[in-house]
Amino acid sequence: MKDMNKIYSLFAICMLCIVGLSSCKDLDEAPDNRTEIDTADKIQKLLTSGYPVSVPAVICELSGDNLVDNNVVVPATHYDAYANFHEQAYKWEDIDNYSTGEDDTPYTVWESYYQGIAVANHAIEAMLEMSKDPAHDRELAHSWGEAHLLRAYLHFVLVNVFAEAYKDEEQSANDVGIPYVSEAEKTVTIDYSDPKYRKSVAEVYRLIEKDILEGVELIDDSKYKVPAYHFNRNAAYALAARFYLYKRDYENCVKYATAALGTNPASSLRKWAAMSANTINTLLNDFNDETAPCNYLLQATYSLFDRMLSACRYAINSGSAAENIDATKDILYEGGGPNWTGRLKAFDGKIYRWGAGSEYGSWLFRVYEYFEYTDKIAGIGFVHILYQPFTAEETLLCRAEAEVYLGQTDKALADLGFWTASHMVDAPLTQSGINNKYKGDFSNNIYISDLHPTDMSPEWTYDDLSDDEKRIIHCILHFRRIETMFEGLRWFDIKRYGITVHHAYRDPKEDAIHHDYLYWNDSRRVLQIPQNVIDAGYPSNNRSQRLSGDDDEFKSKPMLDDANFGDN
């Protein structure tokens, strides 16, 4: 089988070695001397190239429940999608209508992440050639840790995008995962459908855990010039915390989250009150400050998310009572919370909308793009969006969720209180406030999700929680939805909790409105392997099965009255 991804990966590795390391000085040197990775410094330079320039945020947000189709909620609109594959993602179809040169596609994620994995594997192999025990070598231990953490993280993202969510050890052993590549590639023609590579979800999780534990305590931040762009110590702990939360190993989730957050979590959270709203560029620079303690890891990407939102087809917008569509702008920043009313104060002056008016949706400044000119005279260059794969805030919410399942509700409430205080909420967070905000169920409260965790796995202990504890879980999921909007992590919560998603859409050239529901047992929750990789011979996911669900339970769901946007 010719796997196109591997061709690109090997080519990238060769180019990195040629450009980033040493070069032949005269004809007396060995022809391949330029590709040798034989010092600790060269290892670190190689690993720098392993951080991907793509993220699955666009396809995950389109698949989830944060964005609505303006062709449905705004009268008389017939917008095209910014890219054809956006419409496929929103309809939960196989995403095949794209080219390999487009950004934000399944292929760019697959290719970029496996390229990073190849980098990590080449670094690991080189270190093993340099030392019998790299983990205990003073010069190599740090890079040994970074390589294993990078490999773990990239596989963690891939398995959560292209496979089922982790359920439990028994059920996930029967769910097809992804190739877990732990050896440096030496040939182009490798059959990655071989069981040696394509593991079950359970086995992928075991290998991820092994890599995390191999590297998490080896990180030395002093080895980095700019720690925020590498797996520094806090980013390593945050990865471990999120992994163990998804695996429902709550003790370890709390352990590693606490290691990252320290004894005073409030000191490491984002200082929204200190952020300047004079211009969108100053906001963006403050948010992406590489020295800010909240930014555990920064990732520069070639994403066009900002331009997708400007196309006005899919947006954070008002809902539609007639079509039973939730007002996602209320859920995400306008509709209050358990201890605040109206817009979250931290977002004042930071919400933007396009010139067409607020009816076409709005967006938070954080997805605004940087532009790197390669030729200013010609006006050409590259678009960059910075993402924060790990932050203090998201790690705090991971810990809060784990604390609820451990019966530590007082600690969970304290952590949620830290989160609201950092977002400029003055009122204290209380259980009564949570009970009032998250009362009822998903049929009459847009802030409550339709959860099916025990349907997914009998080992989930959600049904054992008290009513108060369940409402705290809904509060956490709401806060996580706000905290991670535009990042795609809501899609992972949808998958692991079995949350039902409703999409209504109207194609640009028709008047009919279509409704579709994605239930906890729908095979379309697994995104299709990239079409380019399938064409090269890799087996596709089976997403054709449409499992049944009761659509009628959603038909009579009342909507909250629409609220006006703010003045910015």
Protein backbone atom coordinates (compact mmCIF):
# COMPACT_ATOMS: atom_id res chain seq x y z
CA MET A 1 0.00 0.00 0.00
CA LYS A 2 1.26 3.48 -0.82
CA ASP A 3 0.24 5.64 2.10
CA MET A 4 0.49 9.22 0.89
CA ASN A 5 0.79 10.54 4.41
CA LYS A 6 3.98 8.60 4.94
CA ILE A 7 5.46 10.01 1.76
CA TYR A 8 4.88 13.52 3.01
CA SER A 9 6.18 12.62 6.47
CA LEU A 10 9.43 11.14 5.23
CA PHE A 11 9.96 14.02 2.85
CA ALA A 12 9.41 16.50 5.67
CA ILE A 13 11.83 14.65 7.95
CA CYS A 14 14.50 14.65 5.28
CA MET A 15 14.04 18.34 4.61
CA LEU A 16 14.15 19.15 8.31
CA CYS A 17 17.36 17.23 8.68
CA ILE A 18 18.88 18.92 5.66
CA VAL A 19 17.86 22.46 6.57
CA GLY A 20 17.90 22.42 10.35
CA LEU A 21 20.95 20.37 11.20
CA SER A 22 24.43 20.14 9.67
CA SER A 23 25.54 20.22 6.04
CA CYS A 24 28.37 18.78 3.98
CA LYS A 25 31.37 21.10 4.04
CA ASP A 26 33.49 19.40 1.37
CA LEU A 27 33.56 16.31 -0.80
CA ASP A 28 35.66 14.37 1.72
CA GLU A 29 32.73 14.15 4.15
CA ALA A 30 30.22 11.33 4.08
CA PRO A 31 27.34 12.13 1.68
CA ASP A 32 24.71 11.64 4.40
CA ASN A 33 26.55 13.55 7.12
CA ARG A 34 24.04 16.36 6.81
CA THR A 35 21.24 14.06 8.06
CA GLU A 36 22.93 12.86 11.22
CA ILE A 37 21.18 13.66 14.48
CA ASP A 38 23.95 13.07 16.96
CA THR A 39 23.85 15.82 19.60
CA ALA A 40 21.39 16.94 22.24
CA ASP A 41 21.11 20.31 20.52
CA LYS A 42 20.17 18.71 17.21
CA ILE A 43 17.54 16.59 18.98
CA GLN A 44 15.94 19.71 20.44
CA LYS A 45 15.91 21.45 17.07
CA LEU A 46 14.33 18.42 15.44
CA LEU A 47 11.59 18.21 18.07
CA THR A 48 10.72 21.86 17.50
CA SER A 49 9.56 20.85 14.02
CA GLY A 50 7.25 18.18 15.42
CA TYR A 51 4.51 20.52 16.65
CA PRO A 52 1.76 20.47 14.02
CA VAL A 53 0.63 23.52 12.07
CA SER A 54 -2.94 22.27 11.83
CA VAL A 55 -5.72 21.65 14.35
CA PRO A 56 -9.09 19.88 14.05
CA ALA A 57 -10.93 22.89 15.53
CA VAL A 58 -12.91 23.79 12.41
CA ILE A 59 -14.21 20.30 11.62
CA CYS A 60 -14.93 19.62 15.31
CA GLU A 61 -16.80 22.90 15.85
CA LEU A 62 -18.85 22.35 12.69
CA SER A 63 -19.69 18.85 13.91
CA GLY A 64 -20.67 20.06 17.37
CA ASP A 65 -23.36 22.32 18.77
CA ASN A 66 -21.72 25.75 19.05
CA LEU A 67 -22.41 26.92 15.49
CA VAL A 68 -25.75 27.32 13.71
CA ASP A 69 -26.59 27.60 10.02
CA ASN A 70 -27.56 31.19 9.28
CA ASN A 71 -29.53 30.01 6.26
CA VAL A 72 -32.00 28.68 8.80
CA VAL A 73 -31.96 31.25 11.61
CA VAL A 74 -31.68 34.43 9.51
CA PRO A 75 -34.67 35.03 7.21
CA ALA A 76 -34.12 35.05 3.45
CA THR A 77 -30.42 34.15 3.54
CA HIS A 78 -28.84 31.67 1.14
CA TYR A 79 -25.14 31.69 1.91
CA ASP A 80 -22.63 29.26 0.50
CA ALA A 81 -20.16 27.69 2.89
CA TYR A 82 -16.68 29.25 2.84
CA ALA A 83 -15.34 25.86 1.74
CA ASN A 84 -17.29 22.90 0.41
CA PHE A 85 -16.06 20.56 3.11
CA HIS A 86 -17.54 22.83 5.80
CA GLU A 87 -21.01 21.90 4.61
CA GLN A 88 -20.10 18.21 4.64
CA ALA A 89 -18.80 18.51 8.20
CA TYR A 90 -21.98 20.25 9.38
CA LYS A 91 -24.12 17.52 7.82
CA TRP A 92 -21.93 14.78 9.39
CA GLU A 93 -21.12 13.44 5.94
CA ASP A 94 -17.85 11.91 4.83
CA ILE A 95 -15.58 14.90 4.22
CA ASP A 96 -14.11 14.36 0.78
CA ASN A 97 -14.75 17.60 -1.10
CA TYR A 98 -11.42 19.31 -0.55
CA SER A 99 -7.93 19.49 -1.96
CA THR A 100 -4.71 18.61 -0.18
CA GLY A 101 -3.73 22.28 -0.27
CA GLU A 102 -6.70 23.45 1.81
CA ASP A 103 -6.35 24.26 5.50
CA ASP A 104 -8.42 22.82 8.37
CA THR A 105 -9.31 19.62 6.50
CA PRO A 106 -9.19 16.10 7.93
CA TYR A 107 -6.19 15.47 5.71
CA THR A 108 -4.15 18.42 7.02
CA VAL A 109 -4.81 17.20 10.56
CA TRP A 110 -3.91 13.59 9.73
CA GLU A 111 -0.83 14.54 7.72
CA SER A 112 0.44 17.20 10.12
CA TYR A 113 -0.05 15.10 13.25
CA TYR A 114 1.52 11.95 11.83
CA GLN A 115 4.38 14.07 10.55
CA GLY A 116 4.89 15.26 14.14
CA ILE A 117 4.77 11.65 15.33
CA ALA A 118 7.43 10.76 12.77
CA VAL A 119 9.61 13.57 14.12
CA ALA A 120 9.21 12.26 17.68
CA ASN A 121 10.07 8.73 16.59
CA HIS A 122 13.20 9.81 14.73
CA ALA A 123 14.28 11.80 17.79
CA ILE A 124 13.72 8.79 20.05
CA GLU A 125 15.66 6.51 17.73
CA ALA A 126 18.54 8.98 17.55
CA MET A 127 18.69 9.25 21.34
CA LEU A 128 18.80 5.48 21.69
CA GLU A 129 21.79 5.46 19.37
CA MET A 130 23.47 8.12 21.50
CA SER A 131 22.80 6.59 24.92
CA LYS A 132 21.89 3.25 26.46
CA ASP A 133 19.50 4.99 28.85
CA PRO A 134 18.37 8.40 27.52
CA ALA A 135 15.85 8.88 30.33
CA HIS A 136 18.74 9.03 32.82
CA ASP A 137 21.20 10.86 30.60
CA ARG A 138 21.77 14.44 31.80
CA GLU A 139 21.99 15.77 28.25
CA LEU A 140 19.10 13.79 26.77
CA ALA A 141 16.55 13.19 29.53
CA HIS A 142 14.59 16.36 28.84
CA SER A 143 14.29 15.70 25.10
CA TRP A 144 13.43 12.08 25.81
CA GLY A 145 10.52 13.34 27.87
CA GLU A 146 9.42 15.90 25.26
CA ALA A 147 9.49 13.35 22.44
CA HIS A 148 7.29 10.90 24.34
CA LEU A 149 4.83 13.60 25.41
CA LEU A 150 4.60 14.95 21.87
CA ARG A 151 3.96 11.46 20.52
CA ALA A 152 1.32 10.84 23.18
CA TYR A 153 -0.47 14.13 22.56
CA LEU A 154 -0.63 13.78 18.79
CA HIS A 155 -2.05 10.26 19.00
CA PHE A 156 -4.48 11.47 21.69
CA VAL A 157 -5.93 14.08 19.34
CA LEU A 158 -6.08 11.69 16.40
CA VAL A 159 -7.87 8.93 18.30
CA ASN A 160 -10.46 11.38 19.64
CA VAL A 161 -11.13 12.74 16.16
CA PHE A 162 -11.02 9.61 14.01
CA ALA A 163 -12.28 6.92 16.43
CA GLU A 164 -14.92 6.32 19.06
CA ALA A 165 -14.65 8.04 22.42
CA TYR A 166 -13.11 5.97 25.19
CA LYS A 167 -15.89 3.99 26.89
CA ASP A 168 -14.23 1.42 29.12
CA GLU A 169 -11.50 -1.17 28.80
CA GLU A 170 -13.81 -3.93 27.59
CA GLN A 171 -15.91 -2.00 25.07
CA SER A 172 -13.06 0.14 23.78
CA ALA A 173 -11.09 -3.03 23.06
CA ASN A 174 -13.67 -3.69 20.32
CA ASP A 175 -13.63 -0.16 18.86
CA VAL A 176 -11.24 0.37 15.96
CA GLY A 177 -8.71 3.04 16.78
CA ILE A 178 -5.91 4.55 14.71
CA PRO A 179 -2.37 3.53 13.82
CA TYR A 180 -0.13 4.02 16.85
CA VAL A 181 3.25 4.58 15.27
CA SER A 182 6.12 4.11 17.70
CA GLU A 183 8.96 3.30 15.34
CA ALA A 184 10.94 5.53 13.01
CA GLU A 185 9.80 5.01 9.43
CA LYS A 186 12.42 3.55 7.11
CA THR A 187 10.31 2.81 4.05
CA VAL A 188 7.48 4.52 2.22
CA THR A 189 5.34 1.44 1.53
CA ILE A 190 4.07 0.41 4.96
CA ASP A 191 0.71 -1.27 5.42
CA TYR A 192 -0.72 0.65 8.36
CA SER A 193 -3.89 -1.43 8.29
CA ASP A 194 -1.76 -4.26 9.68
CA PRO A 195 -2.85 -5.05 13.30
CA LYS A 196 0.70 -4.26 14.32
CA TYR A 197 -0.15 -0.60 13.73
CA ARG A 198 -3.92 -0.19 13.76
CA LYS A 199 -4.89 -0.64 17.37
CA SER A 200 -8.17 -0.67 19.24
CA VAL A 201 -9.16 2.48 21.12
CA ALA A 202 -8.29 0.73 24.39
CA GLU A 203 -4.81 -0.19 23.14
CA VAL A 204 -4.21 3.32 21.82
CA TYR A 205 -5.09 4.69 25.25
CA ARG A 206 -2.71 2.24 26.92
CA LEU A 207 0.12 3.34 24.62
CA ILE A 208 -0.69 7.02 25.17
CA GLU A 209 -0.55 6.48 28.92
CA LYS A 210 2.76 4.66 28.60
CA ASP A 211 4.26 7.57 26.67
CA ILE A 212 2.89 10.15 29.10
CA LEU A 213 4.32 8.35 32.11
CA GLU A 214 7.64 7.93 30.33
CA GLY A 215 8.00 11.64 29.76
CA VAL A 216 5.95 13.66 32.22
CA GLU A 217 8.55 13.96 34.97
CA LEU A 218 11.54 14.51 32.70
CA ILE A 219 10.68 17.97 31.41
CA ASP A 220 13.12 20.74 32.30
CA ASP A 221 11.72 24.15 31.37
CA SER A 222 15.17 25.72 31.50
CA LYS A 223 16.04 23.82 28.31
CA TYR A 224 13.57 25.89 26.28
CA LYS A 225 14.09 29.38 24.94
CA VAL A 226 10.31 29.91 24.80
CA PRO A 227 8.66 27.23 26.97
CA ALA A 228 5.09 28.08 25.90
CA TYR A 229 5.69 26.62 22.42
CA HIS A 230 6.88 23.26 23.78
CA PHE A 231 5.72 20.63 26.22
CA ASN A 232 6.88 22.48 29.29
CA ARG A 233 6.21 21.09 32.75
CA ASN A 234 2.72 22.55 33.15
CA ALA A 235 1.65 21.54 29.64
CA ALA A 236 2.84 17.99 30.38
CA TYR A 237 0.80 17.87 33.58
CA ALA A 238 -2.23 19.34 31.78
CA LEU A 239 -2.02 16.66 29.08
CA ALA A 240 -1.93 13.97 31.76
CA ALA A 241 -4.89 15.55 33.56
CA ARG A 242 -7.05 15.67 30.43
CA PHE A 243 -6.07 12.15 29.40
CA TYR A 244 -6.99 10.71 32.79
CA LEU A 245 -10.26 12.64 32.83
CA TYR A 246 -11.25 11.11 29.48
CA LYS A 247 -10.18 7.71 30.80
CA ARG A 248 -12.15 8.39 34.01
CA ASP A 249 -9.16 7.80 36.25
CA TYR A 250 -10.19 10.68 38.48
CA GLU A 251 -7.49 10.34 41.13
CA ASN A 252 -4.74 10.75 38.55
CA CYS A 253 -6.62 13.57 36.85
CA VAL A 254 -6.67 15.52 40.13
CA LYS A 255 -3.05 14.63 40.84
CA TYR A 256 -1.69 16.01 37.59
CA ALA A 257 -4.05 18.98 37.38
CA THR A 258 -2.95 20.01 40.86
CA ALA A 259 0.69 19.64 39.87
CA ALA A 260 0.08 22.13 37.06
CA LEU A 261 -2.14 24.57 38.97
CA GLY A 262 -0.13 24.69 42.18
CA THR A 263 -1.43 25.68 45.58
CA ASN A 264 -2.98 28.94 44.39
CA PRO A 265 -4.87 28.34 41.11
CA ALA A 266 -6.18 31.92 41.00
CA SER A 267 -2.67 33.24 40.41
CA SER A 268 -2.26 31.28 37.17
CA LEU A 269 -5.64 32.01 35.57
CA ARG A 270 -6.08 34.49 32.74
CA LYS A 271 -6.24 38.14 33.84
CA TRP A 272 -9.25 39.23 31.80
CA ALA A 273 -9.55 42.47 33.76
CA ALA A 274 -6.05 43.52 32.70
CA MET A 275 -6.56 42.86 28.98
CA SER A 276 -6.68 45.97 26.83
CA ALA A 277 -9.69 46.23 24.51
CA ASN A 278 -8.36 49.25 22.61
CA THR A 279 -7.88 47.24 19.43
CA ILE A 280 -8.36 43.65 18.41
CA ASN A 281 -4.60 43.33 17.92
CA THR A 282 -3.82 44.38 21.48
CA LEU A 283 -6.44 41.92 22.73
CA LEU A 284 -4.93 39.18 20.65
CA ASN A 285 -1.41 39.91 21.85
CA ASP A 286 -2.53 39.90 25.48
CA PHE A 287 -4.45 36.65 25.02
CA ASN A 288 -1.55 34.90 23.31
CA ASP A 289 1.14 36.26 25.62
CA GLU A 290 3.79 33.55 25.76
CA THR A 291 4.76 34.63 29.29
CA ALA A 292 1.22 34.48 30.71
CA PRO A 293 1.07 31.67 33.30
CA CYS A 294 -2.32 30.54 31.97
CA ASN A 295 -0.96 29.70 28.51
CA TYR A 296 0.55 26.30 29.15
CA LEU A 297 1.03 25.53 25.44
CA LEU A 298 0.68 27.70 22.32
CA GLN A 299 0.32 26.24 18.83
CA ALA A 300 0.73 28.30 15.65
CA THR A 301 -1.48 27.06 12.82
CA TYR A 302 -2.42 27.88 9.24
CA SER A 303 -6.11 27.80 10.15
CA LEU A 304 -8.69 29.85 8.24
CA PHE A 305 -11.28 29.69 11.03
CA ASP A 306 -11.64 33.48 11.12
CA ARG A 307 -12.41 33.58 7.40
CA MET A 308 -14.93 30.79 7.72
CA LEU A 309 -16.84 32.83 10.29
CA SER A 310 -16.74 35.91 8.08
CA ALA A 311 -18.54 34.01 5.33
CA CYS A 312 -21.71 34.26 7.47
CA ARG A 313 -22.95 30.71 6.79
CA TYR A 314 -22.06 29.11 10.14
CA ALA A 315 -21.90 31.25 13.25
CA ILE A 316 -22.52 31.71 16.94
CA ASN A 317 -25.94 33.25 16.67
CA SER A 318 -29.51 33.48 17.83
CA GLY A 319 -31.61 30.37 17.59
CA SER A 320 -35.00 29.78 16.04
CA ALA A 321 -38.05 28.87 18.09
CA ALA A 322 -39.86 27.74 14.95
CA GLU A 323 -37.06 25.36 14.04
CA ASN A 324 -36.18 24.38 17.61
CA ILE A 325 -32.62 25.70 17.39
CA ASP A 326 -30.81 26.87 20.52
CA ALA A 327 -29.42 30.39 20.74
CA THR A 328 -25.74 29.54 20.94
CA LYS A 329 -24.82 33.17 21.58
CA ASP A 330 -26.81 32.94 24.83
CA ILE A 331 -25.17 29.67 25.81
CA LEU A 332 -21.65 30.90 25.11
CA TYR A 333 -21.56 34.49 26.30
CA GLU A 334 -24.82 36.42 26.44
CA GLY A 335 -27.21 34.34 28.51
CA GLY A 336 -25.78 34.50 32.02
CA GLY A 337 -24.58 31.81 34.36
CA PRO A 338 -25.09 30.49 37.88
CA ASN A 339 -23.71 33.67 39.48
CA TRP A 340 -23.94 36.31 36.75
CA THR A 341 -26.65 37.70 34.47
CA GLY A 342 -26.41 38.73 30.85
CA ARG A 343 -23.06 38.84 29.11
CA LEU A 344 -20.05 37.44 30.91
CA LYS A 345 -18.21 40.58 32.02
CA ALA A 346 -14.84 39.30 30.84
CA PHE A 347 -16.14 39.47 27.25
CA ASP A 348 -17.21 43.13 27.34
CA GLY A 349 -15.51 44.93 24.47
CA LYS A 350 -14.17 41.65 23.09
CA ILE A 351 -17.05 40.33 21.00
CA TYR A 352 -17.03 41.23 17.31
CA ARG A 353 -19.53 40.94 14.51
CA TRP A 354 -19.30 41.44 10.78
CA GLY A 355 -20.45 44.60 9.06
CA ALA A 356 -23.64 42.92 7.88
CA GLY A 357 -24.97 43.22 11.43
CA SER A 358 -25.45 41.20 14.56
CA GLU A 359 -28.12 39.03 12.97
CA TYR A 360 -25.36 37.23 11.08
CA GLY A 361 -23.58 36.13 14.19
CA SER A 362 -20.65 37.17 16.31
CA TRP A 363 -17.31 35.86 17.42
CA LEU A 364 -14.83 36.30 20.22
CA PHE A 365 -11.61 38.07 19.22
CA ARG A 366 -9.43 35.04 19.95
CA VAL A 367 -9.78 33.52 16.47
CA TYR A 368 -8.67 36.68 14.72
CA GLU A 369 -5.73 35.94 12.47
CA TYR A 370 -2.17 37.09 12.21
CA PHE A 371 -0.80 37.58 8.71
CA GLU A 372 2.82 36.84 7.92
CA TYR A 373 3.91 38.55 4.72
CA THR A 374 6.33 36.74 2.46
CA ASP A 375 6.10 39.62 -0.02
CA LYS A 376 4.62 42.87 1.29
CA ILE A 377 4.68 44.55 -2.09
CA ALA A 378 2.69 41.74 -3.67
CA GLY A 379 0.55 41.43 -0.54
CA ILE A 380 1.03 37.70 -0.21
CA GLY A 381 1.95 35.53 2.75
CA PHE A 382 0.56 33.09 5.30
CA VAL A 383 -2.37 33.27 7.71
CA HIS A 384 -1.69 32.24 11.29
CA ILE A 385 -4.05 31.60 14.17
CA LEU A 386 -2.64 30.80 17.58
CA TYR A 387 -4.37 28.11 19.60
CA GLN A 388 -3.94 27.18 23.23
CA PRO A 389 -4.11 23.36 23.41
CA PHE A 390 -3.61 23.52 27.18
CA THR A 391 -4.45 26.33 29.59
CA ALA A 392 -4.76 26.74 33.32
CA GLU A 393 -8.51 27.36 32.94
CA GLU A 394 -9.27 24.17 31.04
CA THR A 395 -7.06 22.17 33.40
CA LEU A 396 -8.95 23.65 36.35
CA LEU A 397 -12.24 22.50 34.82
CA CYS A 398 -10.79 19.02 34.26
CA ARG A 399 -9.98 18.87 37.95
CA ALA A 400 -13.41 20.15 38.97
CA GLU A 401 -15.12 17.41 36.97
CA ALA A 402 -12.92 14.73 38.50
CA GLU A 403 -13.59 16.10 41.99
CA VAL A 404 -17.34 15.71 41.54
CA TYR A 405 -16.96 12.02 40.73
CA LEU A 406 -14.66 11.61 43.73
CA GLY A 407 -17.34 13.07 46.01
CA GLN A 408 -15.31 16.25 46.61
CA THR A 409 -18.05 18.72 45.72
CA ASP A 410 -16.71 21.46 47.99
CA LYS A 411 -13.42 21.41 46.11
CA ALA A 412 -15.22 21.34 42.77
CA LEU A 413 -17.30 24.38 43.75
CA ALA A 414 -14.14 26.18 44.85
CA ASP A 415 -12.48 25.50 41.49
CA LEU A 416 -15.56 26.69 39.59
CA GLY A 417 -15.54 29.79 41.78
CA PHE A 418 -11.94 30.46 40.74
CA TRP A 419 -13.04 30.23 37.11
CA THR A 420 -15.93 32.69 37.43
CA ALA A 421 -13.83 35.13 39.49
CA SER A 422 -11.13 35.15 36.80
CA HIS A 423 -13.87 36.03 34.30
CA MET A 424 -14.70 39.13 36.33
CA VAL A 425 -17.76 37.74 38.12
CA ASP A 426 -18.01 39.36 41.54
CA ALA A 427 -20.82 37.28 43.05
CA PRO A 428 -19.81 34.06 44.82
CA LEU A 429 -20.66 30.75 43.22
CA THR A 430 -23.03 28.61 45.30
CA GLN A 431 -24.79 25.29 45.01
CA SER A 432 -28.14 27.07 45.08
CA GLY A 433 -27.08 29.27 42.17
CA ILE A 434 -26.05 26.18 40.20
CA ASN A 435 -29.30 24.42 41.06
CA ASN A 436 -31.31 27.40 39.84
CA LYS A 437 -29.41 27.82 36.56
CA TYR A 438 -29.33 24.15 35.63
CA LYS A 439 -32.77 23.06 36.82
CA GLY A 440 -35.08 21.05 34.62
CA ASP A 441 -33.64 19.14 31.68
CA PHE A 442 -32.50 19.60 28.12
CA SER A 443 -36.07 19.85 26.84
CA ASN A 444 -36.66 23.17 28.61
CA ASN A 445 -33.22 24.54 29.48
CA ILE A 446 -30.63 25.34 26.80
CA TYR A 447 -27.83 25.25 29.38
CA ILE A 448 -28.34 21.55 30.01
CA SER A 449 -27.04 18.92 27.62
CA ASP A 450 -28.77 15.64 26.81
CA LEU A 451 -26.28 13.22 28.39
CA HIS A 452 -26.01 9.46 27.84
CA PRO A 453 -22.84 8.40 29.65
CA THR A 454 -24.21 5.19 31.13
CA ASP A 455 -25.62 4.19 27.76
CA MET A 456 -22.09 4.40 26.44
CA SER A 457 -20.57 2.47 29.33
CA PRO A 458 -22.13 0.79 32.38
CA GLU A 459 -18.93 1.71 34.23
CA TRP A 460 -19.83 5.40 34.16
CA THR A 461 -20.89 6.44 37.67
CA TYR A 462 -22.93 9.45 36.54
CA ASP A 463 -26.23 7.83 37.56
CA ASP A 464 -24.84 7.36 41.07
CA LEU A 465 -24.43 11.11 41.53
CA SER A 466 -26.92 13.11 43.55
CA ASP A 467 -29.11 15.70 41.84
CA ASP A 468 -26.87 18.46 43.18
CA GLU A 469 -23.77 16.72 41.81
CA LYS A 470 -25.39 16.20 38.40
CA ARG A 471 -26.17 19.91 38.22
CA ILE A 472 -22.52 20.67 38.97
CA ILE A 473 -21.56 18.42 36.05
CA HIS A 474 -23.90 20.41 33.79
CA CYS A 475 -22.32 23.60 35.10
CA ILE A 476 -18.82 22.27 34.32
CA LEU A 477 -19.84 21.23 30.81
CA HIS A 478 -21.31 24.72 30.31
CA PHE A 479 -18.13 26.41 31.56
CA ARG A 480 -15.98 24.11 29.40
CA ARG A 481 -18.13 24.99 26.40
CA ILE A 482 -17.49 28.69 27.03
CA GLU A 483 -13.80 28.25 27.82
CA THR A 484 -12.98 26.14 24.75
CA MET A 485 -15.20 27.69 22.07
CA PHE A 486 -13.46 27.70 18.67
CA GLU A 487 -11.01 25.01 19.87
CA GLY A 488 -13.06 21.90 19.08
CA LEU A 489 -12.90 20.42 22.58
CA ARG A 490 -16.68 20.66 22.92
CA TRP A 491 -16.87 17.92 20.27
CA PHE A 492 -14.79 15.65 22.50
CA ASP A 493 -17.18 16.33 25.41
CA ILE A 494 -20.11 15.54 23.10
CA LYS A 495 -18.52 12.22 22.20
CA ARG A 496 -17.46 11.12 25.67
CA TYR A 497 -20.77 12.07 27.35
CA GLY A 498 -22.99 10.85 24.50
CA ILE A 499 -24.55 14.30 24.10
CA THR A 500 -27.31 14.56 21.49
CA VAL A 501 -26.71 17.21 18.83
CA HIS A 502 -29.37 18.76 16.60
CA HIS A 503 -28.42 20.38 13.29
CA ALA A 504 -30.84 22.23 11.04
CA TYR A 505 -29.59 23.35 7.65
CA ARG A 506 -30.81 24.84 4.40
CA ASP A 507 -28.72 24.53 1.27
CA PRO A 508 -27.96 27.79 -0.57
CA LYS A 509 -30.13 26.95 -3.57
CA GLU A 510 -33.22 25.61 -1.82
CA ASP A 511 -35.93 26.76 0.55
CA ALA A 512 -36.54 23.52 2.43
CA ILE A 513 -35.04 23.24 5.93
CA HIS A 514 -33.61 19.88 6.94
CA HIS A 515 -33.24 18.53 10.48
CA ASP A 516 -30.84 15.88 11.63
CA TYR A 517 -29.97 14.51 15.07
CA LEU A 518 -26.76 12.88 16.19
CA TYR A 519 -27.41 10.46 19.04
CA TRP A 520 -24.99 8.81 21.41
CA ASN A 521 -24.91 5.60 19.36
CA ASP A 522 -24.63 7.14 15.89
CA SER A 523 -21.60 5.91 13.96
CA ARG A 524 -21.18 9.35 12.38
CA ARG A 525 -19.65 10.57 15.63
CA VAL A 526 -16.44 9.07 14.26
CA LEU A 527 -15.04 11.40 11.61
CA GLN A 528 -14.02 9.71 8.41
CA ILE A 529 -10.38 8.94 7.67
CA PRO A 530 -9.19 11.52 5.09
CA GLN A 531 -10.29 10.67 1.56
CA ASN A 532 -6.75 11.05 0.23
CA VAL A 533 -5.55 8.40 2.66
CA ILE A 534 -8.45 6.09 1.76
CA ASP A 535 -7.63 6.53 -1.92
CA ALA A 536 -4.08 5.44 -1.12
CA GLY A 537 -5.40 2.15 0.27
CA TYR A 538 -6.11 2.78 3.95
CA PRO A 539 -9.40 1.19 5.17
CA SER A 540 -12.19 3.68 5.75
CA ASN A 541 -14.36 3.99 8.84
CA ASN A 542 -17.85 2.54 8.64
CA ARG A 543 -20.05 5.61 9.10
CA SER A 544 -23.01 4.50 7.02
CA GLN A 545 -24.98 3.03 9.89
CA ARG A 546 -27.74 5.40 10.98
CA LEU A 547 -28.86 4.24 14.40
CA SER A 548 -32.35 5.14 15.52
CA GLY A 549 -33.37 7.73 18.05
CA ASP A 550 -36.57 9.41 19.13
CA ASP A 551 -36.76 12.66 17.17
CA ASP A 552 -40.10 13.51 18.76
CA GLU A 553 -38.53 14.33 22.11
CA PHE A 554 -36.92 17.38 20.47
CA LYS A 555 -39.89 18.65 18.49
CA SER A 556 -41.66 20.54 21.27
CA LYS A 557 -38.61 22.00 22.95
CA PRO A 558 -39.34 25.68 23.73
CA MET A 559 -36.71 28.31 23.10
CA LEU A 560 -35.69 31.25 25.26
CA ASP A 561 -36.61 34.64 23.84
CA ASP A 562 -33.91 36.14 21.66
CA ALA A 563 -31.74 38.75 23.29
CA ASN A 564 -29.99 41.64 21.58
CA PHE A 565 -26.28 41.69 21.04
CA GLY A 566 -24.15 44.08 22.96
CA ASP A 567 -22.77 47.21 21.41
CA ASN A 568 -19.48 45.73 20.25
